Amino acid sequence: MGPHDRLRIEDTAFSPGVGDSWWVIERPSPAVATLDAGHLSDCNKSGCRGTLAYVLTAHGRGTTKAMLQYCYRTSPGPDCVRGPGAPAPPPVVVTVSVS
């Protein structure tokens, strides 16, 4: 990526009404890139689905990473699950190199 480039990370089937949640468990180095707070679009009713998006914005030279964790009706950690009776999915790791 070059300085000021942006990378959008989306979950297009996000449904907070059923218990979907994404957590930022590691933020990128702010000297290299920033990660905005997730925002939800296309969902203004209970139980609806929408698009949850995070945006990484490149700033200075270097390499950094961000980690996001999906959990169903739980928080990150030992109680995090993918769904009823399913173990937690691995975190999503996004490595950013800015040149």
PDB file of N, CA and C in Angstrom:
ATOM      1  N   MET A   1       0.839  -1.165   0.000  1.00  0.00           N
ATOM      2  CA  MET A   1       0.000   0.000   0.000  1.00  0.00           C
ATOM      3  C   MET A   1       0.889   1.234   0.000  1.00  0.00           C
ATOM      4  N   GLY A   2       0.353   2.314  -0.517  1.00  0.00           N
ATOM      5  CA  GLY A   2       1.035   3.594  -0.451  1.00  0.00           C
ATOM      6  C   GLY A   2       0.394   4.449   0.630  1.00  0.00           C
ATOM      7  N   PRO A   3       1.090   5.497   1.062  1.00  0.00           N
ATOM      8  CA  PRO A   3       0.496   6.383   2.062  1.00  0.00           C
ATOM      9  C   PRO A   3      -0.879   6.870   1.608  1.00  0.00           C
ATOM     10  N   HIS A   4      -1.808   6.889   2.530  1.00  0.00           N
ATOM     11  CA  HIS A   4      -3.192   7.344   2.335  1.00  0.00           C
ATOM     12  C   HIS A   4      -4.084   6.337   1.598  1.00  0.00           C
ATOM     13  N   ASP A   5      -3.524   5.195   1.147  1.00  0.00           N
ATOM     14  CA  ASP A   5      -4.366   4.151   0.568  1.00  0.00           C
ATOM     15  C   ASP A   5      -5.245   3.566   1.671  1.00  0.00           C
ATOM     16  N   ARG A   6      -6.386   3.029   1.256  1.00  0.00           N
ATOM     17  CA  ARG A   6      -7.318   2.437   2.209  1.00  0.00           C
ATOM     18  C   ARG A   6      -7.671   1.019   1.806  1.00  0.00           C
ATOM     19  N   LEU A   7      -7.855   0.179   2.804  1.00  0.00           N
ATOM     20  CA  LEU A   7      -8.283  -1.202   2.616  1.00  0.00           C
ATOM     21  C   LEU A   7      -9.547  -1.397   3.431  1.00  0.00           C
ATOM     22  N   ARG A   8     -10.611  -1.827   2.774  1.00  0.00           N
ATOM     23  CA  ARG A   8     -11.903  -2.036   3.449  1.00  0.00           C
ATOM     24  C   ARG A   8     -12.087  -3.526   3.715  1.00  0.00           C
ATOM     25  N   ILE A   9     -12.418  -3.866   4.956  1.00  0.00           N
ATOM     26  CA  ILE A   9     -12.647  -5.243   5.383  1.00  0.00           C
ATOM     27  C   ILE A   9     -14.130  -5.340   5.732  1.00  0.00           C
ATOM     28  N   GLU A  10     -14.854  -6.256   5.070  1.00  0.00           N
ATOM     29  CA  GLU A  10     -16.307  -6.314   5.244  1.00  0.00           C
ATOM     30  C   GLU A  10     -16.806  -7.693   5.644  1.00  0.00           C
ATOM     31  N   ASP A  11     -17.855  -7.690   6.442  1.00  0.00           N
ATOM     32  CA  ASP A  11     -18.674  -8.876   6.687  1.00  0.00           C
ATOM     33  C   ASP A  11     -20.049  -8.495   6.144  1.00  0.00           C
ATOM     34  N   THR A  12     -20.417  -9.031   5.002  1.00  0.00           N
ATOM     35  CA  THR A  12     -21.656  -8.626   4.322  1.00  0.00           C
ATOM     36  C   THR A  12     -22.902  -9.347   4.847  1.00  0.00           C
ATOM     37  N   ALA A  13     -22.725 -10.266   5.779  1.00  0.00           N
ATOM     38  CA  ALA A  13     -23.872 -10.986   6.348  1.00  0.00           C
ATOM     39  C   ALA A  13     -23.930 -10.766   7.860  1.00  0.00           C
ATOM     40  N   PHE A  14     -23.470  -9.619   8.317  1.00  0.00           N
ATOM     41  CA  PHE A  14     -23.423  -9.315   9.739  1.00  0.00           C
ATOM     42  C   PHE A  14     -24.830  -9.122  10.293  1.00  0.00           C
ATOM     43  N   SER A  15     -25.120  -9.780  11.408  1.00  0.00           N
ATOM     44  CA  SER A  15     -26.447  -9.679  12.012  1.00  0.00           C
ATOM     45  C   SER A  15     -26.310  -9.575  13.532  1.00  0.00           C
ATOM     46  N   PRO A  16     -26.198  -8.354  14.040  1.00  0.00           N
ATOM     47  CA  PRO A  16     -26.039  -8.204  15.488  1.00  0.00           C
ATOM     48  C   PRO A  16     -27.258  -8.691  16.268  1.00  0.00           C
ATOM     49  N   GLY A  17     -28.422  -8.702  15.642  1.00  0.00           N
ATOM     50  CA  GLY A  17     -29.634  -9.139  16.316  1.00  0.00           C
ATOM     51  C   GLY A  17     -29.619 -10.605  16.699  1.00  0.00           C
ATOM     52  N   VAL A  18     -28.867 -11.421  15.982  1.00  0.00           N
ATOM     53  CA  VAL A  18     -28.783 -12.842  16.332  1.00  0.00           C
ATOM     54  C   VAL A  18     -27.570 -13.146  17.201  1.00  0.00           C
ATOM     55  N   GLY A  19     -26.688 -12.154  17.383  1.00  0.00           N
ATOM     56  CA  GLY A  19     -25.540 -12.357  18.268  1.00  0.00           C
ATOM     57  C   GLY A  19     -24.186 -12.267  17.599  1.00  0.00           C
ATOM     58  N   ASP A  20     -24.128 -11.884  16.321  1.00  0.00           N
ATOM     59  CA  ASP A  20     -22.835 -11.707  15.670  1.00  0.00           C
ATOM     60  C   ASP A  20     -22.084 -10.553  16.323  1.00  0.00           C
ATOM     61  N   SER A  21     -20.792 -10.716  16.522  1.00  0.00           N
ATOM     62  CA  SER A  21     -19.970  -9.612  17.003  1.00  0.00           C
ATOM     63  C   SER A  21     -18.541  -9.778  16.501  1.00  0.00           C
ATOM     64  N   TRP A  22     -17.940  -8.672  16.139  1.00  0.00           N
ATOM     65  CA  TRP A  22     -16.532  -8.618  15.745  1.00  0.00           C
ATOM     66  C   TRP A  22     -15.817  -7.745  16.757  1.00  0.00           C
ATOM     67  N   TRP A  23     -14.615  -8.147  17.142  1.00  0.00           N
ATOM     68  CA  TRP A  23     -13.825  -7.432  18.133  1.00  0.00           C
ATOM     69  C   TRP A  23     -12.440  -7.149  17.554  1.00  0.00           C
ATOM     70  N   VAL A  24     -11.929  -5.974  17.802  1.00  0.00           N
ATOM     71  CA  VAL A  24     -10.540  -5.656  17.445  1.00  0.00           C
ATOM     72  C   VAL A  24      -9.693  -6.127  18.621  1.00  0.00           C
ATOM     73  N   ILE A  25      -8.839  -7.128  18.379  1.00  0.00           N
ATOM     74  CA  ILE A  25      -8.009  -7.638  19.464  1.00  0.00           C
ATOM     75  C   ILE A  25      -6.565  -7.168  19.355  1.00  0.00           C
ATOM     76  N   GLU A  26      -6.203  -6.618  18.199  1.00  0.00           N
ATOM     77  CA  GLU A  26      -4.887  -5.980  18.056  1.00  0.00           C
ATOM     78  C   GLU A  26      -5.006  -4.886  17.006  1.00  0.00           C
ATOM     79  N   ARG A  27      -4.608  -3.689  17.383  1.00  0.00           N
ATOM     80  CA  ARG A  27      -4.635  -2.549  16.455  1.00  0.00           C
ATOM     81  C   ARG A  27      -3.280  -2.424  15.776  1.00  0.00           C
ATOM     82  N   PRO A  28      -3.263  -1.891  14.548  1.00  0.00           N
ATOM     83  CA  PRO A  28      -1.986  -1.679  13.874  1.00  0.00           C
ATOM     84  C   PRO A  28      -1.198  -0.555  14.533  1.00  0.00           C
ATOM     85  N   SER A  29       0.093  -0.512  14.268  1.00  0.00           N
ATOM     86  CA  SER A  29       0.927   0.596  14.740  1.00  0.00           C
ATOM     87  C   SER A  29       0.423   1.877  14.088  1.00  0.00           C
ATOM     88  N   PRO A  30       0.044   2.893  14.855  1.00  0.00           N
ATOM     89  CA  PRO A  30      -0.526   4.109  14.259  1.00  0.00           C
ATOM     90  C   PRO A  30       0.451   4.885  13.384  1.00  0.00           C
ATOM     91  N   ALA A  31       1.738   4.626  13.520  1.00  0.00           N
ATOM     92  CA  ALA A  31       2.719   5.287  12.641  1.00  0.00           C
ATOM     93  C   ALA A  31       2.642   4.720  11.228  1.00  0.00           C
ATOM     94  N   VAL A  32       2.152   3.480  11.104  1.00  0.00           N
ATOM     95  CA  VAL A  32       2.087   2.806   9.800  1.00  0.00           C
ATOM     96  C   VAL A  32       0.668   2.840   9.235  1.00  0.00           C
ATOM     97  N   ALA A  33      -0.327   2.530  10.069  1.00  0.00           N
ATOM     98  CA  ALA A  33      -1.716   2.479   9.589  1.00  0.00           C
ATOM     99  C   ALA A  33      -2.673   2.628  10.766  1.00  0.00           C
ATOM    100  N   THR A  34      -3.878   3.062  10.477  1.00  0.00           N
ATOM    101  CA  THR A  34      -4.925   3.132  11.500  1.00  0.00           C
ATOM    102  C   THR A  34      -6.116   2.295  11.044  1.00  0.00           C
ATOM    103  N   LEU A  35      -6.875   1.830  12.009  1.00  0.00           N
ATOM    104  CA  LEU A  35      -8.070   1.026  11.758  1.00  0.00           C
ATOM    105  C   LEU A  35      -9.249   1.766  12.357  1.00  0.00           C
ATOM    106  N   ASP A  36     -10.212   2.124  11.499  1.00  0.00           N
ATOM    107  CA  ASP A  36     -11.377   2.832  12.037  1.00  0.00           C
ATOM    108  C   ASP A  36     -12.305   1.854  12.737  1.00  0.00           C
ATOM    109  N   ALA A  37     -13.167   2.388  13.560  1.00  0.00           N
ATOM    110  CA  ALA A  37     -14.164   1.568  14.241  1.00  0.00           C
ATOM    111  C   ALA A  37     -15.098   0.962  13.206  1.00  0.00           C
ATOM    112  N   GLY A  38     -15.554  -0.234  13.470  1.00  0.00           N
ATOM    113  CA  GLY A  38     -16.493  -0.866  12.548  1.00  0.00           C
ATOM    114  C   GLY A  38     -17.783  -0.086  12.485  1.00  0.00           C
ATOM    115  N   HIS A  39     -18.360   0.005  11.315  1.00  0.00           N
ATOM    116  CA  HIS A  39     -19.662   0.649  11.201  1.00  0.00           C
ATOM    117  C   HIS A  39     -20.586  -0.229  10.368  1.00  0.00           C
ATOM    118  N   LEU A  40     -21.838  -0.198  10.732  1.00  0.00           N
ATOM    119  CA  LEU A  40     -22.848  -1.068  10.141  1.00  0.00           C
ATOM    120  C   LEU A  40     -23.744  -0.265   9.208  1.00  0.00           C
ATOM    121  N   SER A  41     -23.961  -0.813   8.030  1.00  0.00           N
ATOM    122  CA  SER A  41     -24.874  -0.165   7.092  1.00  0.00           C
ATOM    123  C   SER A  41     -25.949  -1.159   6.672  1.00  0.00           C
ATOM    124  N   ASP A  42     -27.015  -0.651   6.111  1.00  0.00           N
ATOM    125  CA  ASP A  42     -28.091  -1.479   5.574  1.00  0.00           C
ATOM    126  C   ASP A  42     -28.814  -2.306   6.629  1.00  0.00           C
ATOM    127  N   CYS A  43     -28.770  -1.866   7.880  1.00  0.00           N
ATOM    128  CA  CYS A  43     -29.419  -2.645   8.931  1.00  0.00           C
ATOM    129  C   CYS A  43     -29.946  -1.690   9.979  1.00  0.00           C
ATOM    130  N   ASN A  44     -31.241  -1.431   9.942  1.00  0.00           N
ATOM    131  CA  ASN A  44     -31.797  -0.511  10.926  1.00  0.00           C
ATOM    132  C   ASN A  44     -32.973  -1.111  11.697  1.00  0.00           C
ATOM    133  N   LYS A  45     -33.144  -2.444  11.609  1.00  0.00           N
ATOM    134  CA  LYS A  45     -34.216  -3.116  12.336  1.00  0.00           C
ATOM    135  C   LYS A  45     -33.644  -4.297  13.108  1.00  0.00           C
ATOM    136  N   SER A  46     -34.330  -4.693  14.152  1.00  0.00           N
ATOM    137  CA  SER A  46     -33.917  -5.855  14.919  1.00  0.00           C
ATOM    138  C   SER A  46     -33.928  -7.101  14.029  1.00  0.00           C
ATOM    139  N   GLY A  47     -32.852  -7.891  14.096  1.00  0.00           N
ATOM    140  CA  GLY A  47     -32.775  -9.139  13.350  1.00  0.00           C
ATOM    141  C   GLY A  47     -32.342  -9.008  11.906  1.00  0.00           C
ATOM    142  N   CYS A  48     -32.113  -7.781  11.420  1.00  0.00           N
ATOM    143  CA  CYS A  48     -31.737  -7.632  10.012  1.00  0.00           C
ATOM    144  C   CYS A  48     -30.255  -7.926   9.810  1.00  0.00           C
ATOM    145  N   ARG A  49     -29.898  -8.094   8.563  1.00  0.00           N
ATOM    146  CA  ARG A  49     -28.500  -8.283   8.186  1.00  0.00           C
ATOM    147  C   ARG A  49     -28.021  -7.044   7.469  1.00  0.00           C
ATOM    148  N   GLY A  50     -26.758  -6.750   7.656  1.00  0.00           N
ATOM    149  CA  GLY A  50     -26.172  -5.598   6.985  1.00  0.00           C
ATOM    150  C   GLY A  50     -24.704  -5.851   6.725  1.00  0.00           C
ATOM    151  N   THR A  51     -23.997  -4.814   6.363  1.00  0.00           N
ATOM    152  CA  THR A  51     -22.571  -4.913   6.092  1.00  0.00           C
ATOM    153  C   THR A  51     -21.821  -4.201   7.211  1.00  0.00           C
ATOM    154  N   LEU A  52     -20.974  -4.940   7.907  1.00  0.00           N
ATOM    155  CA  LEU A  52     -20.094  -4.354   8.910  1.00  0.00           C
ATOM    156  C   LEU A  52     -18.752  -4.136   8.232  1.00  0.00           C
ATOM    157  N   ALA A  53     -18.213  -2.934   8.332  1.00  0.00           N
ATOM    158  CA  ALA A  53     -16.958  -2.633   7.641  1.00  0.00           C
ATOM    159  C   ALA A  53     -15.965  -1.945   8.570  1.00  0.00           C
ATOM    160  N   TYR A  54     -14.719  -2.357   8.456  1.00  0.00           N
ATOM    161  CA  TYR A  54     -13.586  -1.684   9.076  1.00  0.00           C
ATOM    162  C   TYR A  54     -12.737  -1.158   7.925  1.00  0.00           C
ATOM    163  N   VAL A  55     -12.067  -0.027   8.122  1.00  0.00           N
ATOM    164  CA  VAL A  55     -11.202   0.522   7.080  1.00  0.00           C
ATOM    165  C   VAL A  55      -9.813   0.751   7.666  1.00  0.00           C
ATOM    166  N   LEU A  56      -8.812   0.142   7.015  1.00  0.00           N
ATOM    167  CA  LEU A  56      -7.404   0.381   7.351  1.00  0.00           C
ATOM    168  C   LEU A  56      -6.907   1.501   6.444  1.00  0.00           C
ATOM    169  N   THR A  57      -6.286   2.514   7.034  1.00  0.00           N
ATOM    170  CA  THR A  57      -5.728   3.621   6.260  1.00  0.00           C
ATOM    171  C   THR A  57      -4.221   3.636   6.468  1.00  0.00           C
ATOM    172  N   ALA A  58      -3.474   3.583   5.361  1.00  0.00           N
ATOM    173  CA  ALA A  58      -2.008   3.589   5.417  1.00  0.00           C
ATOM    174  C   ALA A  58      -1.501   4.996   5.706  1.00  0.00           C
ATOM    175  N   HIS A  59      -0.410   5.075   6.477  1.00  0.00           N
ATOM    176  CA  HIS A  59       0.177   6.372   6.818  1.00  0.00           C
ATOM    177  C   HIS A  59       1.664   6.428   6.467  1.00  0.00           C
ATOM    178  N   GLY A  60       2.508   5.752   7.250  1.00  0.00           N
ATOM    179  CA  GLY A  60       3.947   5.829   7.052  1.00  0.00           C
ATOM    180  C   GLY A  60       4.546   4.498   6.659  1.00  0.00           C
ATOM    181  N   ARG A  61       5.786   4.523   6.246  1.00  0.00           N
ATOM    182  CA  ARG A  61       6.462   3.292   5.801  1.00  0.00           C
ATOM    183  C   ARG A  61       6.597   2.291   6.940  1.00  0.00           C
ATOM    184  N   GLY A  62       6.479   1.022   6.563  1.00  0.00           N
ATOM    185  CA  GLY A  62       6.658  -0.045   7.533  1.00  0.00           C
ATOM    186  C   GLY A  62       5.630  -1.142   7.341  1.00  0.00           C
ATOM    187  N   THR A  63       5.685  -2.115   8.235  1.00  0.00           N
ATOM    188  CA  THR A  63       4.753  -3.239   8.210  1.00  0.00           C
ATOM    189  C   THR A  63       4.123  -3.368   9.590  1.00  0.00           C
ATOM    190  N   THR A  64       2.842  -3.608   9.619  1.00  0.00           N
ATOM    191  CA  THR A  64       2.116  -3.779  10.867  1.00  0.00           C
ATOM    192  C   THR A  64       0.959  -4.736  10.627  1.00  0.00           C
ATOM    193  N   LYS A  65       0.259  -5.094  11.680  1.00  0.00           N
ATOM    194  CA  LYS A  65      -0.892  -5.975  11.507  1.00  0.00           C
ATOM    195  C   LYS A  65      -2.030  -5.551  12.408  1.00  0.00           C
ATOM    196  N   ALA A  66      -3.219  -5.965  12.009  1.00  0.00           N
ATOM    197  CA  ALA A  66      -4.426  -5.798  12.808  1.00  0.00           C
ATOM    198  C   ALA A  66      -5.038  -7.184  12.962  1.00  0.00           C
ATOM    199  N   MET A  67      -5.667  -7.431  14.110  1.00  0.00           N
ATOM    200  CA  MET A  67      -6.342  -8.710  14.330  1.00  0.00           C
ATOM    201  C   MET A  67      -7.781  -8.450  14.748  1.00  0.00           C
ATOM    202  N   LEU A  68      -8.685  -9.138  14.066  1.00  0.00           N
ATOM    203  CA  LEU A  68     -10.118  -9.060  14.367  1.00  0.00           C
ATOM    204  C   LEU A  68     -10.605 -10.451  14.756  1.00  0.00           C
ATOM    205  N   GLN A  69     -11.511 -10.505  15.720  1.00  0.00           N
ATOM    206  CA  GLN A  69     -12.031 -11.791  16.174  1.00  0.00           C
ATOM    207  C   GLN A  69     -13.550 -11.789  16.077  1.00  0.00           C
ATOM    208  N   TYR A  70     -14.102 -12.804  15.411  1.00  0.00           N
ATOM    209  CA  TYR A  70     -15.552 -13.002  15.371  1.00  0.00           C
ATOM    210  C   TYR A  70     -15.949 -13.875  16.548  1.00  0.00           C
ATOM    211  N   CYS A  71     -17.016 -13.495  17.230  1.00  0.00           N
ATOM    212  CA  CYS A  71     -17.596 -14.321  18.296  1.00  0.00           C
ATOM    213  C   CYS A  71     -19.112 -14.265  18.173  1.00  0.00           C
ATOM    214  N   TYR A  72     -19.742 -15.360  18.510  1.00  0.00           N
ATOM    215  CA  TYR A  72     -21.205 -15.447  18.479  1.00  0.00           C
ATOM    216  C   TYR A  72     -21.738 -15.365  19.906  1.00  0.00           C
ATOM    217  N   ARG A  73     -22.417 -14.280  20.209  1.00  0.00           N
ATOM    218  CA  ARG A  73     -23.031 -14.047  21.523  1.00  0.00           C
ATOM    219  C   ARG A  73     -22.047 -14.108  22.687  1.00  0.00           C
ATOM    220  N   THR A  74     -20.775 -13.853  22.418  1.00  0.00           N
ATOM    221  CA  THR A  74     -19.750 -13.881  23.466  1.00  0.00           C
ATOM    222  C   THR A  74     -18.709 -12.804  23.171  1.00  0.00           C
ATOM    223  N   SER A  75     -17.757 -12.689  24.079  1.00  0.00           N
ATOM    224  CA  SER A  75     -16.610 -11.790  23.914  1.00  0.00           C
ATOM    225  C   SER A  75     -15.383 -12.623  23.572  1.00  0.00           C
ATOM    226  N   PRO A  76     -14.322 -11.979  23.083  1.00  0.00           N
ATOM    227  CA  PRO A  76     -13.094 -12.731  22.822  1.00  0.00           C
ATOM    228  C   PRO A  76     -12.570 -13.369  24.107  1.00  0.00           C
ATOM    229  N   GLY A  77     -11.865 -14.441  23.941  1.00  0.00           N
ATOM    230  CA  GLY A  77     -11.311 -15.145  25.097  1.00  0.00           C
ATOM    231  C   GLY A  77     -11.806 -16.572  25.133  1.00  0.00           C
ATOM    232  N   PRO A  78     -11.719 -17.203  26.279  1.00  0.00           N
ATOM    233  CA  PRO A  78     -12.055 -18.632  26.355  1.00  0.00           C
ATOM    234  C   PRO A  78     -13.525 -18.941  26.088  1.00  0.00           C
ATOM    235  N   ASP A  79     -14.407 -17.948  26.234  1.00  0.00           N
ATOM    236  CA  ASP A  79     -15.830 -18.194  26.005  1.00  0.00           C
ATOM    237  C   ASP A  79     -16.261 -17.953  24.563  1.00  0.00           C
ATOM    238  N   CYS A  80     -15.379 -17.439  23.718  1.00  0.00           N
ATOM    239  CA  CYS A  80     -15.719 -17.117  22.325  1.00  0.00           C
ATOM    240  C   CYS A  80     -16.067 -18.393  21.556  1.00  0.00           C
ATOM    241  N   VAL A  81     -17.185 -18.345  20.832  1.00  0.00           N
ATOM    242  CA  VAL A  81     -17.607 -19.480  20.007  1.00  0.00           C
ATOM    243  C   VAL A  81     -18.023 -18.982  18.631  1.00  0.00           C
ATOM    244  N   ARG A  82     -17.983 -19.875  17.657  1.00  0.00           N
ATOM    245  CA  ARG A  82     -18.408 -19.579  16.278  1.00  0.00           C
ATOM    246  C   ARG A  82     -19.924 -19.642  16.154  1.00  0.00           C
ATOM    247  N   GLY A  83     -20.529 -20.475  16.957  1.00  0.00           N
ATOM    248  CA  GLY A  83     -21.966 -20.696  16.964  1.00  0.00           C
ATOM    249  C   GLY A  83     -22.266 -21.709  18.050  1.00  0.00           C
ATOM    250  N   PRO A  84     -23.520 -22.069  18.254  1.00  0.00           N
ATOM    251  CA  PRO A  84     -23.850 -23.038  19.304  1.00  0.00           C
ATOM    252  C   PRO A  84     -23.048 -24.334  19.157  1.00  0.00           C
ATOM    253  N   GLY A  85     -22.268 -24.651  20.176  1.00  0.00           N
ATOM    254  CA  GLY A  85     -21.484 -25.877  20.183  1.00  0.00           C
ATOM    255  C   GLY A  85     -20.264 -25.879  19.291  1.00  0.00           C
ATOM    256  N   ALA A  86     -19.935 -24.763  18.671  1.00  0.00           N
ATOM    257  CA  ALA A  86     -18.791 -24.712  17.751  1.00  0.00           C
ATOM    258  C   ALA A  86     -17.644 -23.935  18.391  1.00  0.00           C
ATOM    259  N   PRO A  87     -16.401 -24.399  18.230  1.00  0.00           N
ATOM    260  CA  PRO A  87     -15.272 -23.678  18.814  1.00  0.00           C
ATOM    261  C   PRO A  87     -15.067 -22.320  18.135  1.00  0.00           C
ATOM    262  N   ALA A  88     -14.314 -21.484  18.797  1.00  0.00           N
ATOM    263  CA  ALA A  88     -14.024 -20.146  18.256  1.00  0.00           C
ATOM    264  C   ALA A  88     -13.257 -20.263  16.937  1.00  0.00           C
ATOM    265  N   PRO A  89     -13.591 -19.423  15.975  1.00  0.00           N
ATOM    266  CA  PRO A  89     -12.803 -19.396  14.750  1.00  0.00           C
ATOM    267  C   PRO A  89     -11.468 -18.715  15.032  1.00  0.00           C
ATOM    268  N   PRO A  90     -10.458 -18.970  14.203  1.00  0.00           N
ATOM    269  CA  PRO A  90      -9.194 -18.257  14.409  1.00  0.00           C
ATOM    270  C   PRO A  90      -9.388 -16.769  14.116  1.00  0.00           C
ATOM    271  N   PRO A  91      -8.585 -15.908  14.744  1.00  0.00           N
ATOM    272  CA  PRO A  91      -8.682 -14.484  14.443  1.00  0.00           C
ATOM    273  C   PRO A  91      -8.332 -14.212  12.983  1.00  0.00           C
ATOM    274  N   VAL A  92      -8.882 -13.134  12.462  1.00  0.00           N
ATOM    275  CA  VAL A  92      -8.526 -12.666  11.124  1.00  0.00           C
ATOM    276  C   VAL A  92      -7.344 -11.725  11.300  1.00  0.00           C
ATOM    277  N   VAL A  93      -6.228 -12.065  10.673  1.00  0.00           N
ATOM    278  CA  VAL A  93      -5.020 -11.254  10.781  1.00  0.00           C
ATOM    279  C   VAL A  93      -4.800 -10.568   9.441  1.00  0.00           C
ATOM    280  N   VAL A  94      -4.699  -9.245   9.471  1.00  0.00           N
ATOM    281  CA  VAL A  94      -4.458  -8.458   8.255  1.00  0.00           C
ATOM    282  C   VAL A  94      -3.104  -7.792   8.420  1.00  0.00           C
ATOM    283  N   THR A  95      -2.153  -8.167   7.563  1.00  0.00           N
ATOM    284  CA  THR A  95      -0.815  -7.565   7.594  1.00  0.00           C
ATOM    285  C   THR A  95      -0.773  -6.473   6.530  1.00  0.00           C
ATOM    286  N   VAL A  96      -0.296  -5.303   6.939  1.00  0.00           N
ATOM    287  CA  VAL A  96      -0.235  -4.142   6.068  1.00  0.00           C
ATOM    288  C   VAL A  96       1.208  -3.714   5.896  1.00  0.00           C
ATOM    289  N   SER A  97       1.648  -3.595   4.656  1.00  0.00           N
ATOM    290  CA  SER A  97       2.978  -3.064   4.352  1.00  0.00           C
ATOM    291  C   SER A  97       2.793  -1.774   3.578  1.00  0.00           C
ATOM    292  N   VAL A  98       3.396  -0.702   4.063  1.00  0.00           N
ATOM    293  CA  VAL A  98       3.299   0.600   3.428  1.00  0.00           C
ATOM    294  C   VAL A  98       4.685   0.980   2.937  1.00  0.00           C
ATOM    295  N   SER A  99       4.754   1.340   1.654  1.00  0.00           N
ATOM    296  CA  SER A  99       6.061   1.707   1.089  1.00  0.00           C
ATOM    297  C   SER A  99       5.998   3.075   0.432  1.00  0.00           C
TER     298      SER A  99
END
